[in-house]
Protein backbone atom coordinates (compact mmCIF):
# COMPACT_ATOMS: atom_id res chain seq x y z
CA MET A 1 0.00 0.00 0.00
CA ILE A 2 1.17 3.51 -0.80
CA PRO A 3 1.08 5.95 2.09
CA PRO A 4 -1.20 8.91 1.57
CA SER A 5 0.60 12.12 0.52
CA THR A 6 0.71 14.92 3.08
CA GLU A 7 0.81 17.48 0.34
CA GLN A 8 -2.45 18.35 -1.21
CA ALA A 9 -2.86 19.70 -4.66
CA GLU A 10 -3.24 23.46 -4.80
CA THR A 11 -6.68 24.57 -5.79
CA PRO A 12 -7.35 27.62 -7.97
CA GLU A 13 -8.85 29.39 -4.95
CA ASP A 14 -5.63 28.88 -2.95
CA ALA A 15 -3.53 30.22 -5.84
CA ALA A 16 -5.72 33.32 -6.11
CA LEU A 17 -5.47 33.85 -2.33
CA LYS A 18 -1.64 33.62 -2.43
CA GLY A 19 -1.52 36.04 -5.40
CA ARG A 20 -3.74 38.52 -3.58
CA ARG A 21 -1.59 38.31 -0.45
CA ARG A 22 1.57 38.83 -2.48
CA PHE A 23 0.01 41.88 -4.17
CA LEU A 24 -1.10 43.38 -0.83
CA ARG A 25 2.39 42.84 0.64
CA TRP A 26 3.90 44.57 -2.39
CA VAL A 27 1.48 47.57 -2.17
CA THR A 28 2.04 47.85 1.60
CA GLY A 29 5.83 47.85 1.15
CA ILE A 30 5.69 50.57 -1.50
CA GLY A 31 3.33 52.67 0.67
CA ALA A 32 5.62 52.29 3.68
CA SER A 33 8.65 53.27 1.59
CA ILE A 34 6.93 56.38 0.25
CA SER A 35 5.80 57.36 3.77
CA ALA A 36 9.33 56.86 5.10
CA VAL A 37 10.76 59.14 2.40
CA LEU A 38 8.08 61.83 2.90
CA VAL A 39 8.67 61.93 6.66
CA GLY A 40 12.37 61.13 6.70
CA TYR A 41 13.64 63.68 4.17
CA PRO A 42 12.43 66.81 6.04
CA ALA A 43 13.56 65.33 9.36
CA LEU A 44 17.02 64.53 7.96
CA ARG A 45 17.25 67.96 6.33
CA ALA A 46 16.34 69.71 9.61
CA PHE A 47 18.95 67.65 11.43
CA VAL A 48 21.75 68.27 8.90
CA SER A 49 21.00 71.90 7.86
CA PRO A 50 22.75 73.61 10.81
CA MET A 51 26.07 72.27 9.51
CA PHE A 52 25.75 74.28 6.29
CA PRO A 53 25.97 78.07 6.12
CA ALA A 54 22.72 79.95 5.69
CA ARG A 55 21.89 81.29 2.27
CA ARG A 56 22.45 85.01 2.17
CA THR A 57 20.57 87.25 -0.10
CA ASP A 58 22.34 90.00 -2.00
CA ASP A 59 23.44 92.55 0.58
CA TRP A 60 23.57 95.42 -1.91
CA VAL A 61 20.32 97.38 -1.81
CA LYS A 62 19.28 99.92 -4.42
CA VAL A 63 18.35 103.07 -2.47
CA ALA A 64 18.15 105.70 -5.23
CA ASP A 65 17.32 105.33 -8.91
CA ASP A 66 19.03 108.46 -10.18
CA ILE A 67 21.72 110.51 -8.44
CA ALA A 68 20.62 113.62 -10.36
CA LEU A 69 17.37 113.66 -8.37
CA LEU A 70 19.09 113.84 -4.96
CA ASP A 71 19.57 117.17 -3.22
CA VAL A 72 23.17 118.17 -2.48
CA GLY A 73 23.89 118.92 1.17
CA VAL A 74 20.56 117.55 2.45
CA PRO A 75 20.39 114.02 3.85
CA ILE A 76 17.49 111.82 2.79
CA ARG A 77 16.12 108.78 4.60
CA VAL A 78 15.45 105.75 2.40
CA ASN A 79 13.41 102.84 3.76
CA PHE A 80 13.44 99.41 2.16
CA VAL A 81 12.24 95.90 2.90
CA GLN A 82 14.89 93.22 3.28
CA SER A 83 14.00 89.52 3.03
CA SER A 84 15.91 86.71 4.71
CA VAL A 85 15.40 82.95 4.56
CA ASP A 86 16.07 80.67 7.53
CA ALA A 87 15.33 77.03 6.63
CA TRP A 88 11.69 77.18 5.55
CA LEU A 89 10.88 80.53 7.13
CA GLU A 90 11.07 83.72 5.13
CA SER A 91 11.01 86.95 7.11
CA ARG A 92 10.88 90.53 5.96
CA THR A 93 12.34 93.47 7.85
CA LEU A 94 11.83 97.18 7.27
CA ASN A 95 15.25 98.86 7.37
CA GLY A 96 16.43 102.36 6.62
CA VAL A 97 19.55 104.28 5.66
CA TRP A 98 20.38 107.95 5.53
CA LEU A 99 21.99 109.00 2.25
CA PHE A 100 24.08 112.18 2.09
CA THR A 101 26.22 113.90 -0.54
CA GLN A 102 28.11 117.19 -0.44
CA ASP A 103 29.03 117.35 -4.11
CA GLY A 104 26.58 115.05 -5.92
CA GLU A 105 29.32 112.55 -6.78
CA LYS A 106 30.56 111.02 -3.53
CA PHE A 107 27.89 109.61 -1.25
CA LYS A 108 27.81 108.57 2.39
CA ALA A 109 25.24 106.21 3.80
CA TYR A 110 24.53 105.70 7.49
CA ASN A 111 22.60 102.85 9.08
CA GLY A 112 19.18 104.22 10.14
CA HIS A 113 19.59 103.05 13.76
CA CYS A 114 21.20 105.04 16.57
CA THR A 115 24.34 103.35 17.93
CA HIS A 116 23.10 103.70 21.52
CA LEU A 117 19.82 101.71 21.65
CA GLY A 118 18.90 101.29 17.99
CA CYS A 119 16.25 104.01 17.87
CA SER A 120 15.42 105.60 14.55
CA TYR A 121 16.86 109.11 14.35
CA THR A 122 15.73 112.15 12.34
CA TYR A 123 17.32 115.09 10.58
CA ASP A 124 17.10 118.40 12.45
CA LYS A 125 16.92 121.06 9.72
CA ASP A 126 17.51 123.95 12.12
CA HIS A 127 20.78 122.64 13.56
CA LYS A 128 21.71 120.56 10.51
CA THR A 129 22.41 117.48 12.65
CA PHE A 130 20.91 114.06 13.13
CA LEU A 131 18.84 113.86 16.32
CA CYS A 132 17.93 110.70 18.21
CA PRO A 133 14.77 111.40 20.24
CA CYS A 134 15.26 108.54 22.73
CA HIS A 135 18.13 110.03 24.77
CA ARG A 136 18.86 113.24 22.88
CA GLY A 137 21.82 111.92 21.00
CA GLN A 138 23.13 114.20 18.25
CA PHE A 139 25.34 113.31 15.30
CA ASP A 140 27.18 115.33 12.69
CA VAL A 141 25.66 114.92 9.23
CA LYS A 142 28.97 115.01 7.33
CA SER A 143 31.00 112.64 9.49
CA GLY A 144 28.48 110.82 11.69
CA GLU A 145 30.45 111.80 14.81
CA VAL A 146 28.66 112.09 18.17
CA LEU A 147 28.01 115.73 19.08
CA ALA A 148 25.91 115.18 22.23
CA GLY A 149 24.20 112.51 24.27
CA PRO A 150 25.05 108.96 25.34
CA PRO A 151 25.75 107.17 22.01
CA PRO A 152 29.04 105.26 22.46
CA ARG A 153 30.29 105.62 18.88
CA PRO A 154 29.62 107.53 15.64
CA LEU A 155 26.87 106.49 13.26
CA ASP A 156 27.56 103.24 11.43
CA GLU A 157 28.71 104.15 7.92
CA LEU A 158 27.84 101.73 5.13
CA GLN A 159 29.59 101.04 1.82
CA VAL A 160 28.13 102.92 -1.15
CA GLU A 161 28.44 102.06 -4.83
CA ILE A 162 27.19 103.93 -7.91
CA ARG A 163 25.99 101.74 -10.80
CA ASP A 164 24.46 103.30 -13.91
CA SER A 165 23.58 106.50 -11.99
CA ALA A 166 21.78 104.48 -9.29
CA VAL A 167 22.97 104.37 -5.67
CA PHE A 168 23.46 101.00 -4.00
CA VAL A 169 24.27 100.47 -0.31
CA LYS A 170 25.73 97.36 1.29
CA TYR A 171 23.40 97.14 4.28
CA ARG A 172 24.70 95.85 7.62
CA ASP A 173 23.46 95.92 11.21
CA PHE A 174 25.91 96.38 14.06
CA ARG A 175 25.82 95.65 17.78
CA LEU A 176 24.34 98.45 19.82
CA GLY A 177 25.57 100.21 22.94
CA ILE A 178 29.27 99.36 22.63
CA PRO A 179 32.17 101.57 21.48
CA GLU A 180 33.43 99.04 18.88
CA GLN A 181 31.70 98.56 15.56
CA ILE A 182 30.98 94.83 15.49
CA GLU A 183 28.62 93.34 12.95
CA ALA A 184 25.51 91.82 14.52
């Protein structure tokens, strides 16, 4: 007598069931892989990004379109919006510079913040000086030197460049309340 076989013949229903299970395993694996990439990439990028320097935007800001339109001997305040990107966050800051020329060819630009506490200062037409209203600081228009008050150093002068009769300023912020000019 021949012993009965422990293996049974596979029925069409069993084959379809195994095919369906194989397909579901395949779809589940692909879905898990896609989910891992979608979650893992931003997490990995956030973890690794501090090792790379931040992207800086162009520091040169166009503050005047035509030098012929600027008054000689009278400072003018120019406000502009500066954008910066930190990872996924983009922030915009309103900044200002004071632009001054004595001859219409050479220009000086001063950061729009007082060197004492960072207040915005104005031009006093009567005394022909810059006046900070916070603590009555006064600055010379031509040199930026402190004339009165508690500011620890002269106004922060910025680099100026003329391109095709337009005035560009390399904007920088500096630490406040200290005698040395250190970039913030």
